[in-house]
C-alpha atoms as a PDB file:
ATOM      1  CA  UNK A   1     -23.974  -1.311 -16.554  1.00  0.00           C
ATOM      2  CA  UNK A   2     -26.231  -1.692 -19.400  1.00  0.00           C
ATOM      3  CA  UNK A   3     -26.532  -2.296 -22.915  1.00  0.00           C
ATOM      4  CA  UNK A   4     -29.022  -0.299 -24.977  1.00  0.00           C
ATOM      5  CA  UNK A   5     -31.099  -1.222 -27.981  1.00  0.00           C
ATOM      6  CA  UNK A   6     -29.354  -1.112 -31.771  1.00  0.00           C
ATOM      7  CA  UNK A   7     -29.500   2.176 -33.110  1.00  0.00           C
ATOM      8  CA  UNK A   8     -30.310   2.933 -36.838  1.00  0.00           C
ATOM      9  CA  UNK A   9     -29.130   5.859 -37.450  1.00  0.00           C
ATOM     10  CA  UNK A  10     -26.332   6.076 -39.838  1.00  0.00           C
ATOM     11  CA  UNK A  11     -26.223   2.157 -40.585  1.00  0.00           C
ATOM     12  CA  UNK A  12     -24.420   1.555 -36.846  1.00  0.00           C
ATOM     13  CA  UNK A  13     -25.398  -1.803 -35.505  1.00  0.00           C
ATOM     14  CA  UNK A  14     -23.886  -2.127 -32.413  1.00  0.00           C
ATOM     15  CA  UNK A  15     -25.104  -2.109 -29.147  1.00  0.00           C
ATOM     16  CA  UNK A  16     -24.052   1.234 -27.000  1.00  0.00           C
ATOM     17  CA  UNK A  17     -22.379   0.702 -23.672  1.00  0.00           C
ATOM     18  CA  UNK A  18     -23.024   2.557 -20.661  1.00  0.00           C
ATOM     19  CA  UNK A  19     -20.607   3.038 -17.873  1.00  0.00           C
ATOM     20  CA  UNK A  20     -21.925   4.300 -14.165  1.00  0.00           C
ATOM     21  CA  UNK A  21     -19.268   7.010 -12.951  1.00  0.00           C
ATOM     22  CA  UNK A  22     -19.113   9.465 -10.319  1.00  0.00           C
ATOM     23  CA  UNK A  23     -21.085  12.385 -12.372  1.00  0.00           C
ATOM     24  CA  UNK A  24     -23.647   9.850 -14.154  1.00  0.00           C
ATOM     25  CA  UNK A  25     -24.341   7.148 -16.481  1.00  0.00           C
ATOM     26  CA  UNK A  26     -21.785   7.701 -19.042  1.00  0.00           C
ATOM     27  CA  UNK A  27     -21.735   6.274 -22.970  1.00  0.00           C
ATOM     28  CA  UNK A  28     -18.805   4.359 -24.371  1.00  0.00           C
ATOM     29  CA  UNK A  29     -17.073   4.702 -27.256  1.00  0.00           C
ATOM     30  CA  UNK A  30     -17.531   1.437 -29.603  1.00  0.00           C
ATOM     31  CA  UNK A  31     -14.471  -0.791 -29.109  1.00  0.00           C
ATOM     32  CA  UNK A  32     -13.351   0.883 -25.682  1.00  0.00           C
ATOM     33  CA  UNK A  33     -14.193  -0.998 -22.387  1.00  0.00           C
ATOM     34  CA  UNK A  34     -15.053   0.166 -19.195  1.00  0.00           C
ATOM     35  CA  UNK A  35     -11.996   0.937 -16.616  1.00  0.00           C
ATOM     36  CA  UNK A  36     -12.307  -1.707 -13.747  1.00  0.00           C
ATOM     37  CA  UNK A  37     -12.245  -0.944 -10.100  1.00  0.00           C
ATOM     38  CA  UNK A  38      -8.208  -2.610 -10.398  1.00  0.00           C
ATOM     39  CA  UNK A  39      -7.165  -0.594 -12.808  1.00  0.00           C
ATOM     40  CA  UNK A  40      -8.540   2.539 -11.333  1.00  0.00           C
ATOM     41  CA  UNK A  41      -7.119   1.524  -7.555  1.00  0.00           C
ATOM     42  CA  UNK A  42      -3.266   1.045  -9.334  1.00  0.00           C
ATOM     43  CA  UNK A  43      -3.877   4.576 -10.793  1.00  0.00           C
ATOM     44  CA  UNK A  44      -4.151   6.543  -7.591  1.00  0.00           C
ATOM     45  CA  UNK A  45      -1.402   3.611  -6.210  1.00  0.00           C
ATOM     46  CA  UNK A  46       1.147   5.072  -8.409  1.00  0.00           C
ATOM     47  CA  UNK A  47       0.642   8.812  -7.091  1.00  0.00           C
ATOM     48  CA  UNK A  48       1.866  10.014  -3.914  1.00  0.00           C
ATOM     49  CA  UNK A  49      -0.620  10.081  -1.388  1.00  0.00           C
ATOM     50  CA  UNK A  50      -1.857  13.650  -0.305  1.00  0.00           C
ATOM     51  CA  UNK A  51      -3.858  14.453   2.974  1.00  0.00           C
ATOM     52  CA  UNK A  52      -7.892  14.915   2.451  1.00  0.00           C
ATOM     53  CA  UNK A  53      -7.971  18.866   3.980  1.00  0.00           C
ATOM     54  CA  UNK A  54      -5.247  20.257   2.478  1.00  0.00           C
ATOM     55  CA  UNK A  55      -3.761  18.323  -0.299  1.00  0.00           C
ATOM     56  CA  UNK A  56      -0.513  21.007  -0.871  1.00  0.00           C
ATOM     57  CA  UNK A  57       0.250  20.841   2.643  1.00  0.00           C
ATOM     58  CA  UNK A  58       4.643  19.704   2.468  1.00  0.00           C
ATOM     59  CA  UNK A  59       5.178  17.337   5.324  1.00  0.00           C
ATOM     60  CA  UNK A  60       6.661  18.070   8.523  1.00  0.00           C
ATOM     61  CA  UNK A  61      10.185  17.014   9.493  1.00  0.00           C
ATOM     62  CA  UNK A  62      10.137  14.390  12.327  1.00  0.00           C
ATOM     63  CA  UNK A  63      12.478  16.326  14.690  1.00  0.00           C
ATOM     64  CA  UNK A  64      11.527  15.336  18.498  1.00  0.00           C
ATOM     65  CA  UNK A  65      11.776  13.148  20.532  1.00  0.00           C
ATOM     66  CA  UNK A  66      14.053  10.529  19.268  1.00  0.00           C
ATOM     67  CA  UNK A  67      14.546  11.812  16.322  1.00  0.00           C
ATOM     68  CA  UNK A  68      15.237  14.956  17.314  1.00  0.00           C
ATOM     69  CA  UNK A  69      19.085  15.039  15.991  1.00  0.00           C
ATOM     70  CA  UNK A  70      18.948  18.533  16.495  1.00  0.00           C
ATOM     71  CA  UNK A  71      17.973  18.981  19.305  1.00  0.00           C
ATOM     72  CA  UNK A  72      20.658  20.445  22.385  1.00  0.00           C
ATOM     73  CA  UNK A  73      19.219  18.568  25.422  1.00  0.00           C
ATOM     74  CA  UNK A  74      19.895  15.063  23.267  1.00  0.00           C
ATOM     75  CA  UNK A  75      22.529  12.949  25.210  1.00  0.00           C
ATOM     76  CA  UNK A  76      23.718   9.591  24.004  1.00  0.00           C
ATOM     77  CA  UNK A  77      22.449   6.548  26.022  1.00  0.00           C
ATOM     78  CA  UNK A  78      26.057   5.684  26.423  1.00  0.00           C
ATOM     79  CA  UNK A  79      26.767   8.692  28.701  1.00  0.00           C
ATOM     80  CA  UNK A  80      23.523   7.484  30.888  1.00  0.00           C
ATOM     81  CA  UNK A  81      25.415   4.216  32.388  1.00  0.00           C
ATOM     82  CA  UNK A  82      27.517   4.745  35.444  1.00  0.00           C
ATOM     83  CA  UNK A  83      31.428   4.049  34.605  1.00  0.00           C
ATOM     84  CA  UNK A  84      33.562   2.228  37.137  1.00  0.00           C
ATOM     85  CA  UNK A  85      37.055   3.323  37.894  1.00  0.00           C
END
């Protein structure tokens, strides 16, 4: 962040503050402080995670292996233990 020299226009004597952003350096309005990295990360954690390649993709159900509740070949672990008669 850099500060410029005081401007003499319109009687303004405050120093202009600049903030580096993704699109380039931008000036801040008087009385506004720059957004910190911590505030940006906190804002990102409040939104759900989305994939980078296809952000509109829906999550597929985990219906295979141990979590396949509707599978036809699913058996109970107790069925594998031989019963003694």
